[in-house]
C-alpha atoms as a PDB file:
ATOM      1  CA  UNK A   1     245.924 243.709 110.377  1.00  0.00           C
ATOM      2  CA  UNK A   2     247.832 241.609 112.773  1.00  0.00           C
ATOM      3  CA  UNK A   3     245.849 238.652 113.984  1.00  0.00           C
ATOM      4  CA  UNK A   4     245.039 238.607 117.621  1.00  0.00           C
ATOM      5  CA  UNK A   5     247.079 236.296 119.752  1.00  0.00           C
ATOM      6  CA  UNK A   6     245.655 232.827 119.875  1.00  0.00           C
ATOM      7  CA  UNK A   7     243.583 233.330 116.696  1.00  0.00           C
ATOM      8  CA  UNK A   8     244.288 232.166 113.221  1.00  0.00           C
ATOM      9  CA  UNK A   9     246.823 229.584 114.196  1.00  0.00           C
ATOM     10  CA  UNK A  10     246.613 226.218 115.992  1.00  0.00           C
ATOM     11  CA  UNK A  11     248.005 226.007 119.485  1.00  0.00           C
ATOM     12  CA  UNK A  12     250.621 223.279 119.933  1.00  0.00           C
ATOM     13  CA  UNK A  13     249.328 220.092 121.489  1.00  0.00           C
ATOM     14  CA  UNK A  14     250.820 218.785 124.633  1.00  0.00           C
ATOM     15  CA  UNK A  15     252.175 215.241 124.267  1.00  0.00           C
ATOM     16  CA  UNK A  16     251.907 213.024 127.303  1.00  0.00           C
ATOM     17  CA  UNK A  17     254.060 209.948 127.728  1.00  0.00           C
ATOM     18  CA  UNK A  18     252.252 206.740 126.856  1.00  0.00           C
ATOM     19  CA  UNK A  19     252.268 204.465 129.879  1.00  0.00           C
ATOM     20  CA  UNK A  20     253.684 200.996 129.368  1.00  0.00           C
ATOM     21  CA  UNK A  21     251.169 198.204 129.749  1.00  0.00           C
ATOM     22  CA  UNK A  22     251.332 196.810 133.255  1.00  0.00           C
ATOM     23  CA  UNK A  23     250.634 193.150 133.736  1.00  0.00           C
ATOM     24  CA  UNK A  24     247.785 192.543 136.064  1.00  0.00           C
ATOM     25  CA  UNK A  25     248.388 190.502 139.235  1.00  0.00           C
ATOM     26  CA  UNK A  26     246.045 187.837 137.878  1.00  0.00           C
ATOM     27  CA  UNK A  27     248.132 187.463 134.716  1.00  0.00           C
ATOM     28  CA  UNK A  28     251.368 187.274 136.722  1.00  0.00           C
ATOM     29  CA  UNK A  29     249.833 184.625 138.957  1.00  0.00           C
ATOM     30  CA  UNK A  30     248.776 182.696 135.856  1.00  0.00           C
ATOM     31  CA  UNK A  31     252.336 182.762 134.463  1.00  0.00           C
ATOM     32  CA  UNK A  32     253.654 181.668 137.856  1.00  0.00           C
ATOM     33  CA  UNK A  33     251.248 178.737 137.887  1.00  0.00           C
ATOM     34  CA  UNK A  34     252.355 177.715 134.399  1.00  0.00           C
ATOM     35  CA  UNK A  35     256.013 177.798 135.431  1.00  0.00           C
ATOM     36  CA  UNK A  36     255.262 175.800 138.570  1.00  0.00           C
ATOM     37  CA  UNK A  37     253.359 173.211 136.551  1.00  0.00           C
ATOM     38  CA  UNK A  38     256.279 172.836 134.144  1.00  0.00           C
ATOM     39  CA  UNK A  39     258.678 172.334 137.042  1.00  0.00           C
ATOM     40  CA  UNK A  40     256.393 169.735 138.621  1.00  0.00           C
ATOM     41  CA  UNK A  41     256.059 167.911 135.291  1.00  0.00           C
ATOM     42  CA  UNK A  42     259.846 167.806 134.963  1.00  0.00           C
ATOM     43  CA  UNK A  43     260.192 166.481 138.512  1.00  0.00           C
ATOM     44  CA  UNK A  44     257.518 163.842 137.862  1.00  0.00           C
ATOM     45  CA  UNK A  45     259.310 162.720 134.690  1.00  0.00           C
ATOM     46  CA  UNK A  46     262.586 162.483 136.593  1.00  0.00           C
ATOM     47  CA  UNK A  47     260.962 160.324 139.280  1.00  0.00           C
ATOM     48  CA  UNK A  48     259.030 158.144 136.826  1.00  0.00           C
ATOM     49  CA  UNK A  49     261.986 157.422 134.559  1.00  0.00           C
ATOM     50  CA  UNK A  50     263.530 154.778 136.916  1.00  0.00           C
ATOM     51  CA  UNK A  51     260.115 153.122 137.184  1.00  0.00           C
ATOM     52  CA  UNK A  52     259.832 153.067 133.398  1.00  0.00           C
ATOM     53  CA  UNK A  53     263.315 151.568 133.062  1.00  0.00           C
ATOM     54  CA  UNK A  54     262.550 148.967 135.737  1.00  0.00           C
ATOM     55  CA  UNK A  55     259.345 147.800 134.083  1.00  0.00           C
ATOM     56  CA  UNK A  56     260.639 147.795 130.516  1.00  0.00           C
ATOM     57  CA  UNK A  57     263.846 145.917 131.343  1.00  0.00           C
ATOM     58  CA  UNK A  58     261.912 143.322 133.325  1.00  0.00           C
ATOM     59  CA  UNK A  59     259.776 142.570 130.245  1.00  0.00           C
ATOM     60  CA  UNK A  60     262.672 142.124 127.803  1.00  0.00           C
ATOM     61  CA  UNK A  61     264.846 139.234 126.766  1.00  0.00           C
ATOM     62  CA  UNK A  62     268.648 139.565 127.066  1.00  0.00           C
ATOM     63  CA  UNK A  63     268.937 140.204 123.313  1.00  0.00           C
ATOM     64  CA  UNK A  64     266.492 143.123 123.496  1.00  0.00           C
ATOM     65  CA  UNK A  65     268.252 144.568 126.547  1.00  0.00           C
ATOM     66  CA  UNK A  66     271.586 144.540 124.722  1.00  0.00           C
ATOM     67  CA  UNK A  67     270.131 146.076 121.564  1.00  0.00           C
ATOM     68  CA  UNK A  68     267.768 148.699 122.999  1.00  0.00           C
ATOM     69  CA  UNK A  69     267.954 149.034 126.786  1.00  0.00           C
ATOM     70  CA  UNK A  70     265.443 151.886 127.145  1.00  0.00           C
ATOM     71  CA  UNK A  71     263.139 151.112 124.234  1.00  0.00           C
ATOM     72  CA  UNK A  72     259.722 149.558 124.617  1.00  0.00           C
ATOM     73  CA  UNK A  73     259.710 145.750 124.727  1.00  0.00           C
ATOM     74  CA  UNK A  74     258.677 144.258 121.394  1.00  0.00           C
ATOM     75  CA  UNK A  75     257.082 141.956 122.243  1.00  0.00           C
ATOM     76  CA  UNK A  76     256.934 141.961 126.059  1.00  0.00           C
ATOM     77  CA  UNK A  77     257.590 138.663 127.789  1.00  0.00           C
ATOM     78  CA  UNK A  78     256.768 137.387 131.280  1.00  0.00           C
ATOM     79  CA  UNK A  79     259.495 134.745 131.159  1.00  0.00           C
ATOM     80  CA  UNK A  80     261.745 136.751 133.465  1.00  0.00           C
ATOM     81  CA  UNK A  81     259.140 136.773 136.247  1.00  0.00           C
ATOM     82  CA  UNK A  82     258.481 133.042 136.133  1.00  0.00           C
ATOM     83  CA  UNK A  83     262.172 132.215 135.885  1.00  0.00           C
ATOM     84  CA  UNK A  84     263.069 134.584 138.734  1.00  0.00           C
ATOM     85  CA  UNK A  85     260.333 133.150 140.930  1.00  0.00           C
ATOM     86  CA  UNK A  86     261.470 129.555 140.403  1.00  0.00           C
ATOM     87  CA  UNK A  87     265.252 129.805 140.080  1.00  0.00           C
ATOM     88  CA  UNK A  88     265.863 132.224 142.951  1.00  0.00           C
ATOM     89  CA  UNK A  89     263.199 130.763 145.268  1.00  0.00           C
ATOM     90  CA  UNK A  90     261.586 134.162 145.663  1.00  0.00           C
ATOM     91  CA  UNK A  91     258.533 132.603 147.277  1.00  0.00           C
ATOM     92  CA  UNK A  92     260.378 131.494 150.459  1.00  0.00           C
ATOM     93  CA  UNK A  93     262.416 134.710 150.345  1.00  0.00           C
ATOM     94  CA  UNK A  94     259.224 136.784 150.351  1.00  0.00           C
ATOM     95  CA  UNK A  95     257.983 134.814 153.345  1.00  0.00           C
ATOM     96  CA  UNK A  96     261.269 135.434 155.175  1.00  0.00           C
ATOM     97  CA  UNK A  97     261.184 139.166 154.410  1.00  0.00           C
ATOM     98  CA  UNK A  98     257.528 139.436 155.416  1.00  0.00           C
ATOM     99  CA  UNK A  99     258.106 137.627 158.710  1.00  0.00           C
ATOM    100  CA  UNK A 100     261.177 139.655 159.663  1.00  0.00           C
ATOM    101  CA  UNK A 101     259.528 142.934 158.669  1.00  0.00           C
ATOM    102  CA  UNK A 102     256.270 142.188 160.490  1.00  0.00           C
ATOM    103  CA  UNK A 103     257.941 141.151 163.759  1.00  0.00           C
ATOM    104  CA  UNK A 104     260.274 144.141 163.644  1.00  0.00           C
ATOM    105  CA  UNK A 105     257.384 146.547 163.027  1.00  0.00           C
ATOM    106  CA  UNK A 106     255.366 145.038 165.864  1.00  0.00           C
ATOM    107  CA  UNK A 107     258.191 145.542 168.345  1.00  0.00           C
ATOM    108  CA  UNK A 108     258.945 149.021 167.045  1.00  0.00           C
ATOM    109  CA  UNK A 109     255.337 150.155 167.377  1.00  0.00           C
ATOM    110  CA  UNK A 110     254.931 148.714 170.886  1.00  0.00           C
ATOM    111  CA  UNK A 111     258.272 149.889 172.291  1.00  0.00           C
ATOM    112  CA  UNK A 112     258.361 153.201 170.439  1.00  0.00           C
ATOM    113  CA  UNK A 113     254.840 154.270 171.396  1.00  0.00           C
ATOM    114  CA  UNK A 114     255.189 153.357 175.069  1.00  0.00           C
ATOM    115  CA  UNK A 115     258.573 155.072 175.345  1.00  0.00           C
ATOM    116  CA  UNK A 116     257.173 158.164 173.613  1.00  0.00           C
ATOM    117  CA  UNK A 117     254.242 158.238 176.062  1.00  0.00           C
ATOM    118  CA  UNK A 118     256.681 158.467 178.983  1.00  0.00           C
ATOM    119  CA  UNK A 119     258.922 161.011 177.253  1.00  0.00           C
ATOM    120  CA  UNK A 120     255.960 163.200 176.311  1.00  0.00           C
ATOM    121  CA  UNK A 121     254.725 163.268 179.912  1.00  0.00           C
ATOM    122  CA  UNK A 122     258.213 163.890 181.340  1.00  0.00           C
ATOM    123  CA  UNK A 123     259.496 166.703 179.152  1.00  0.00           C
ATOM    124  CA  UNK A 124     262.136 167.689 181.715  1.00  0.00           C
ATOM    125  CA  UNK A 125     264.760 165.960 183.801  1.00  0.00           C
ATOM    126  CA  UNK A 126     265.103 162.253 183.085  1.00  0.00           C
ATOM    127  CA  UNK A 127     262.632 162.352 180.213  1.00  0.00           C
ATOM    128  CA  UNK A 128     264.559 165.102 178.418  1.00  0.00           C
ATOM    129  CA  UNK A 129     267.875 163.283 178.916  1.00  0.00           C
ATOM    130  CA  UNK A 130     266.475 160.062 177.493  1.00  0.00           C
ATOM    131  CA  UNK A 131     265.025 161.950 174.542  1.00  0.00           C
ATOM    132  CA  UNK A 132     268.430 163.432 173.742  1.00  0.00           C
ATOM    133  CA  UNK A 133     269.912 159.943 173.997  1.00  0.00           C
ATOM    134  CA  UNK A 134     267.451 158.665 171.411  1.00  0.00           C
ATOM    135  CA  UNK A 135     268.305 161.603 169.146  1.00  0.00           C
ATOM    136  CA  UNK A 136     271.975 160.625 169.359  1.00  0.00           C
ATOM    137  CA  UNK A 137     270.953 157.188 168.144  1.00  0.00           C
ATOM    138  CA  UNK A 138     269.606 158.833 164.990  1.00  0.00           C
ATOM    139  CA  UNK A 139     272.728 160.906 164.370  1.00  0.00           C
ATOM    140  CA  UNK A 140     275.312 158.162 164.884  1.00  0.00           C
ATOM    141  CA  UNK A 141     275.602 155.732 161.932  1.00  0.00           C
ATOM    142  CA  UNK A 142     274.878 152.134 162.811  1.00  0.00           C
ATOM    143  CA  UNK A 143     277.921 151.023 160.795  1.00  0.00           C
ATOM    144  CA  UNK A 144     280.060 152.053 163.777  1.00  0.00           C
ATOM    145  CA  UNK A 145     278.670 149.121 165.754  1.00  0.00           C
ATOM    146  CA  UNK A 146     278.521 146.471 163.055  1.00  0.00           C
ATOM    147  CA  UNK A 147     281.404 144.377 164.390  1.00  0.00           C
ATOM    148  CA  UNK A 148     280.282 144.441 168.080  1.00  0.00           C
ATOM    149  CA  UNK A 149     276.697 143.700 167.021  1.00  0.00           C
ATOM    150  CA  UNK A 150     277.846 140.792 164.858  1.00  0.00           C
ATOM    151  CA  UNK A 151     279.863 139.370 167.748  1.00  0.00           C
ATOM    152  CA  UNK A 152     276.862 139.784 170.076  1.00  0.00           C
ATOM    153  CA  UNK A 153     274.508 137.980 167.718  1.00  0.00           C
ATOM    154  CA  UNK A 154     277.121 135.260 167.161  1.00  0.00           C
ATOM    155  CA  UNK A 155     277.609 134.776 170.883  1.00  0.00           C
ATOM    156  CA  UNK A 156     273.851 134.405 171.315  1.00  0.00           C
ATOM    157  CA  UNK A 157     273.770 131.761 168.590  1.00  0.00           C
ATOM    158  CA  UNK A 158     271.333 133.801 166.504  1.00  0.00           C
ATOM    159  CA  UNK A 159     273.252 133.983 163.224  1.00  0.00           C
ATOM    160  CA  UNK A 160     271.029 132.773 160.413  1.00  0.00           C
ATOM    161  CA  UNK A 161     267.871 133.118 162.539  1.00  0.00           C
ATOM    162  CA  UNK A 162     264.830 135.372 162.505  1.00  0.00           C
ATOM    163  CA  UNK A 163     265.311 136.618 166.062  1.00  0.00           C
ATOM    164  CA  UNK A 164     268.783 137.932 165.302  1.00  0.00           C
ATOM    165  CA  UNK A 165     267.476 140.063 162.454  1.00  0.00           C
ATOM    166  CA  UNK A 166     264.433 141.247 164.420  1.00  0.00           C
ATOM    167  CA  UNK A 167     266.650 142.257 167.352  1.00  0.00           C
ATOM    168  CA  UNK A 168     268.993 144.149 165.035  1.00  0.00           C
ATOM    169  CA  UNK A 169     266.282 146.079 163.200  1.00  0.00           C
ATOM    170  CA  UNK A 170     264.412 146.897 166.398  1.00  0.00           C
ATOM    171  CA  UNK A 171     267.509 148.371 168.006  1.00  0.00           C
ATOM    172  CA  UNK A 172     268.566 150.280 164.891  1.00  0.00           C
ATOM    173  CA  UNK A 173     265.184 151.843 164.093  1.00  0.00           C
ATOM    174  CA  UNK A 174     263.937 152.435 167.642  1.00  0.00           C
ATOM    175  CA  UNK A 175     265.492 155.948 168.042  1.00  0.00           C
ATOM    176  CA  UNK A 176     263.835 157.195 164.858  1.00  0.00           C
ATOM    177  CA  UNK A 177     260.527 155.617 165.881  1.00  0.00           C
ATOM    178  CA  UNK A 178     260.651 157.218 169.329  1.00  0.00           C
ATOM    179  CA  UNK A 179     261.447 160.585 167.736  1.00  0.00           C
ATOM    180  CA  UNK A 180     258.337 160.435 165.539  1.00  0.00           C
ATOM    181  CA  UNK A 181     256.046 159.163 168.294  1.00  0.00           C
ATOM    182  CA  UNK A 182     257.288 161.689 170.874  1.00  0.00           C
ATOM    183  CA  UNK A 183     256.732 164.706 168.643  1.00  0.00           C
ATOM    184  CA  UNK A 184     253.215 163.594 167.823  1.00  0.00           C
ATOM    185  CA  UNK A 185     252.380 162.652 171.433  1.00  0.00           C
ATOM    186  CA  UNK A 186     253.466 166.057 172.705  1.00  0.00           C
ATOM    187  CA  UNK A 187     251.025 167.715 170.304  1.00  0.00           C
ATOM    188  CA  UNK A 188     248.098 165.740 171.746  1.00  0.00           C
ATOM    189  CA  UNK A 189     246.054 167.296 174.575  1.00  0.00           C
ATOM    190  CA  UNK A 190     246.929 165.749 177.935  1.00  0.00           C
ATOM    191  CA  UNK A 191     243.339 166.107 179.174  1.00  0.00           C
ATOM    192  CA  UNK A 192     242.251 162.765 177.697  1.00  0.00           C
ATOM    193  CA  UNK A 193     244.822 160.715 179.590  1.00  0.00           C
ATOM    194  CA  UNK A 194     244.259 162.717 182.791  1.00  0.00           C
ATOM    195  CA  UNK A 195     240.514 162.132 182.576  1.00  0.00           C
ATOM    196  CA  UNK A 196     241.113 158.395 182.200  1.00  0.00           C
ATOM    197  CA  UNK A 197     243.383 158.423 185.264  1.00  0.00           C
ATOM    198  CA  UNK A 198     240.738 160.273 187.270  1.00  0.00           C
ATOM    199  CA  UNK A 199     238.147 157.666 186.231  1.00  0.00           C
ATOM    200  CA  UNK A 200     240.248 154.920 187.783  1.00  0.00           C
ATOM    201  CA  UNK A 201     242.483 153.718 184.925  1.00  0.00           C
ATOM    202  CA  UNK A 202     246.163 153.155 185.470  1.00  0.00           C
ATOM    203  CA  UNK A 203     248.796 154.433 183.043  1.00  0.00           C
ATOM    204  CA  UNK A 204     248.776 151.223 180.986  1.00  0.00           C
ATOM    205  CA  UNK A 205     245.009 151.332 180.515  1.00  0.00           C
ATOM    206  CA  UNK A 206     245.040 155.069 179.775  1.00  0.00           C
ATOM    207  CA  UNK A 207     247.678 154.531 177.129  1.00  0.00           C
ATOM    208  CA  UNK A 208     246.148 151.496 175.419  1.00  0.00           C
ATOM    209  CA  UNK A 209     242.531 152.737 175.502  1.00  0.00           C
ATOM    210  CA  UNK A 210     242.907 156.497 175.081  1.00  0.00           C
ATOM    211  CA  UNK A 211     246.341 157.609 173.892  1.00  0.00           C
ATOM    212  CA  UNK A 212     247.337 154.880 171.442  1.00  0.00           C
ATOM    213  CA  UNK A 213     244.174 155.187 169.273  1.00  0.00           C
ATOM    214  CA  UNK A 214     244.967 158.896 168.922  1.00  0.00           C
ATOM    215  CA  UNK A 215     248.426 157.954 167.605  1.00  0.00           C
ATOM    216  CA  UNK A 216     246.970 156.277 164.515  1.00  0.00           C
ATOM    217  CA  UNK A 217     248.377 158.793 161.965  1.00  0.00           C
ATOM    218  CA  UNK A 218     251.933 158.580 163.258  1.00  0.00           C
ATOM    219  CA  UNK A 219     251.635 154.809 163.560  1.00  0.00           C
ATOM    220  CA  UNK A 220     250.943 154.616 159.844  1.00  0.00           C
ATOM    221  CA  UNK A 221     254.006 156.758 159.179  1.00  0.00           C
ATOM    222  CA  UNK A 222     256.153 154.575 161.444  1.00  0.00           C
ATOM    223  CA  UNK A 223     254.981 151.436 159.680  1.00  0.00           C
ATOM    224  CA  UNK A 224     255.653 152.791 156.197  1.00  0.00           C
ATOM    225  CA  UNK A 225     259.108 154.252 156.859  1.00  0.00           C
ATOM    226  CA  UNK A 226     260.386 151.308 158.867  1.00  0.00           C
ATOM    227  CA  UNK A 227     258.880 148.746 156.506  1.00  0.00           C
ATOM    228  CA  UNK A 228     260.668 150.311 153.531  1.00  0.00           C
ATOM    229  CA  UNK A 229     263.976 150.279 155.388  1.00  0.00           C
ATOM    230  CA  UNK A 230     263.716 146.720 156.692  1.00  0.00           C
ATOM    231  CA  UNK A 231     262.313 145.274 153.478  1.00  0.00           C
ATOM    232  CA  UNK A 232     264.897 146.877 151.180  1.00  0.00           C
ATOM    233  CA  UNK A 233     267.943 146.361 153.405  1.00  0.00           C
ATOM    234  CA  UNK A 234     270.584 144.272 151.660  1.00  0.00           C
ATOM    235  CA  UNK A 235     273.819 144.469 153.630  1.00  0.00           C
ATOM    236  CA  UNK A 236     272.543 143.271 157.001  1.00  0.00           C
ATOM    237  CA  UNK A 237     270.702 140.138 155.725  1.00  0.00           C
ATOM    238  CA  UNK A 238     273.722 139.325 153.584  1.00  0.00           C
ATOM    239  CA  UNK A 239     275.919 139.518 156.679  1.00  0.00           C
ATOM    240  CA  UNK A 240     273.629 137.749 159.158  1.00  0.00           C
ATOM    241  CA  UNK A 241     271.628 135.394 156.923  1.00  0.00           C
ATOM    242  CA  UNK A 242     273.959 134.743 153.987  1.00  0.00           C
ATOM    243  CA  UNK A 243     274.137 131.065 153.055  1.00  0.00           C
ATOM    244  CA  UNK A 244     271.121 130.045 155.148  1.00  0.00           C
ATOM    245  CA  UNK A 245     267.585 129.158 154.121  1.00  0.00           C
ATOM    246  CA  UNK A 246     266.277 132.402 155.679  1.00  0.00           C
ATOM    247  CA  UNK A 247     267.705 134.847 153.135  1.00  0.00           C
ATOM    248  CA  UNK A 248     265.499 137.806 152.288  1.00  0.00           C
ATOM    249  CA  UNK A 249     264.403 139.048 148.866  1.00  0.00           C
ATOM    250  CA  UNK A 250     267.291 141.511 148.199  1.00  0.00           C
ATOM    251  CA  UNK A 251     269.861 138.794 148.915  1.00  0.00           C
ATOM    252  CA  UNK A 252     268.113 136.308 146.610  1.00  0.00           C
ATOM    253  CA  UNK A 253     267.836 138.882 143.822  1.00  0.00           C
ATOM    254  CA  UNK A 254     271.566 139.517 144.149  1.00  0.00           C
ATOM    255  CA  UNK A 255     272.172 135.881 143.165  1.00  0.00           C
ATOM    256  CA  UNK A 256     271.386 136.854 139.543  1.00  0.00           C
ATOM    257  CA  UNK A 257     274.430 139.165 139.485  1.00  0.00           C
ATOM    258  CA  UNK A 258     277.636 137.293 138.737  1.00  0.00           C
ATOM    259  CA  UNK A 259     281.263 138.323 138.484  1.00  0.00           C
ATOM    260  CA  UNK A 260     281.408 137.943 134.703  1.00  0.00           C
ATOM    261  CA  UNK A 261     277.808 137.462 133.516  1.00  0.00           C
ATOM    262  CA  UNK A 262     274.644 139.118 134.869  1.00  0.00           C
ATOM    263  CA  UNK A 263     271.093 138.487 133.696  1.00  0.00           C
ATOM    264  CA  UNK A 264     269.593 141.932 134.130  1.00  0.00           C
ATOM    265  CA  UNK A 265     266.173 140.825 132.942  1.00  0.00           C
ATOM    266  CA  UNK A 266     265.924 138.481 135.925  1.00  0.00           C
ATOM    267  CA  UNK A 267     267.367 141.145 138.223  1.00  0.00           C
ATOM    268  CA  UNK A 268     264.744 143.736 137.291  1.00  0.00           C
ATOM    269  CA  UNK A 269     261.946 141.174 137.348  1.00  0.00           C
ATOM    270  CA  UNK A 270     262.977 140.199 140.869  1.00  0.00           C
ATOM    271  CA  UNK A 271     263.043 143.862 141.876  1.00  0.00           C
ATOM    272  CA  UNK A 272     259.505 144.349 140.582  1.00  0.00           C
ATOM    273  CA  UNK A 273     258.263 141.345 142.558  1.00  0.00           C
ATOM    274  CA  UNK A 274     260.101 142.569 145.656  1.00  0.00           C
ATOM    275  CA  UNK A 275     258.627 146.082 145.403  1.00  0.00           C
ATOM    276  CA  UNK A 276     254.988 145.020 145.055  1.00  0.00           C
ATOM    277  CA  UNK A 277     254.304 144.195 148.767  1.00  0.00           C
ATOM    278  CA  UNK A 278     255.755 147.487 149.996  1.00  0.00           C
ATOM    279  CA  UNK A 279     253.861 149.376 147.298  1.00  0.00           C
ATOM    280  CA  UNK A 280     250.573 147.796 148.400  1.00  0.00           C
ATOM    281  CA  UNK A 281     251.224 148.707 152.046  1.00  0.00           C
ATOM    282  CA  UNK A 282     252.102 152.272 151.074  1.00  0.00           C
ATOM    283  CA  UNK A 283     248.912 152.697 149.036  1.00  0.00           C
ATOM    284  CA  UNK A 284     246.858 151.489 152.000  1.00  0.00           C
ATOM    285  CA  UNK A 285     248.540 153.826 154.509  1.00  0.00           C
ATOM    286  CA  UNK A 286     249.535 156.799 152.359  1.00  0.00           C
ATOM    287  CA  UNK A 287     247.024 159.212 153.900  1.00  0.00           C
ATOM    288  CA  UNK A 288     248.728 158.811 157.290  1.00  0.00           C
ATOM    289  CA  UNK A 289     252.289 159.384 156.090  1.00  0.00           C
ATOM    290  CA  UNK A 290     252.363 163.169 155.571  1.00  0.00           C
ATOM    291  CA  UNK A 291     250.084 163.920 158.513  1.00  0.00           C
ATOM    292  CA  UNK A 292     252.019 161.764 160.924  1.00  0.00           C
ATOM    293  CA  UNK A 293     255.444 162.907 159.734  1.00  0.00           C
ATOM    294  CA  UNK A 294     254.430 166.566 159.969  1.00  0.00           C
ATOM    295  CA  UNK A 295     253.192 165.955 163.509  1.00  0.00           C
ATOM    296  CA  UNK A 296     256.512 164.349 164.409  1.00  0.00           C
ATOM    297  CA  UNK A 297     258.461 167.340 163.115  1.00  0.00           C
ATOM    298  CA  UNK A 298     256.416 169.757 165.209  1.00  0.00           C
ATOM    299  CA  UNK A 299     257.736 168.171 168.395  1.00  0.00           C
END
């Protein structure tokens, strides 16, 4: 007898394709975070390497620097710091740098904030034209006016003086300061100043009592950025203060570099001592830097 169809034999099984395992979005996000962390670690190492080299070279003797420049100091010595402080007169140089930087920052904050208050209130017409003029001051390099500025300071009899340097830095950094202050001031509500004017205050009182306290974040940013520029500037003090008793820290540190022989241990020790004041100021005002700079870019 012939077996009935479908009986006595096994029907063929249907094979379905096995799906490939799909990575979940959570797993992909985890891998992305790992890759981002590795990139950030590499960037941090790249930024910390100059700091490591600066500190290790400042703690080595010349023999150790010649034998192993990037190795750990064995043993570390503080002789470079004491020698740099005494031989290069870094104490008076720090006083000169601090005085020039402080006076320049004071003028920049006062002039930049008041100019920004006017430009923020007059966004059209004269105010807009002046704002564009300040932006041109940022674009044009100050090296174009070095010779006329030197002749001006010489004609005023201010070569080798504090006021010559303060005048130079105030004029050079004022456009950038006004740019930051104006962008932040435009983001502030105008109701506060208008309410003060209605209550009987004039524009000076409304600015000093109401507007300027609201500019605290951008003021911290202005102080940090301008302080770093003025403190670390080398060419201008060398040109205006070279050979006088008012030389700043970068110029005094440069005295350790000779034409034929250079004591790099003293150079790096002087750089460490010169960087400490700016580092302290930055740590005190760091929370204002990003907030204020972001506010300036919005304008």
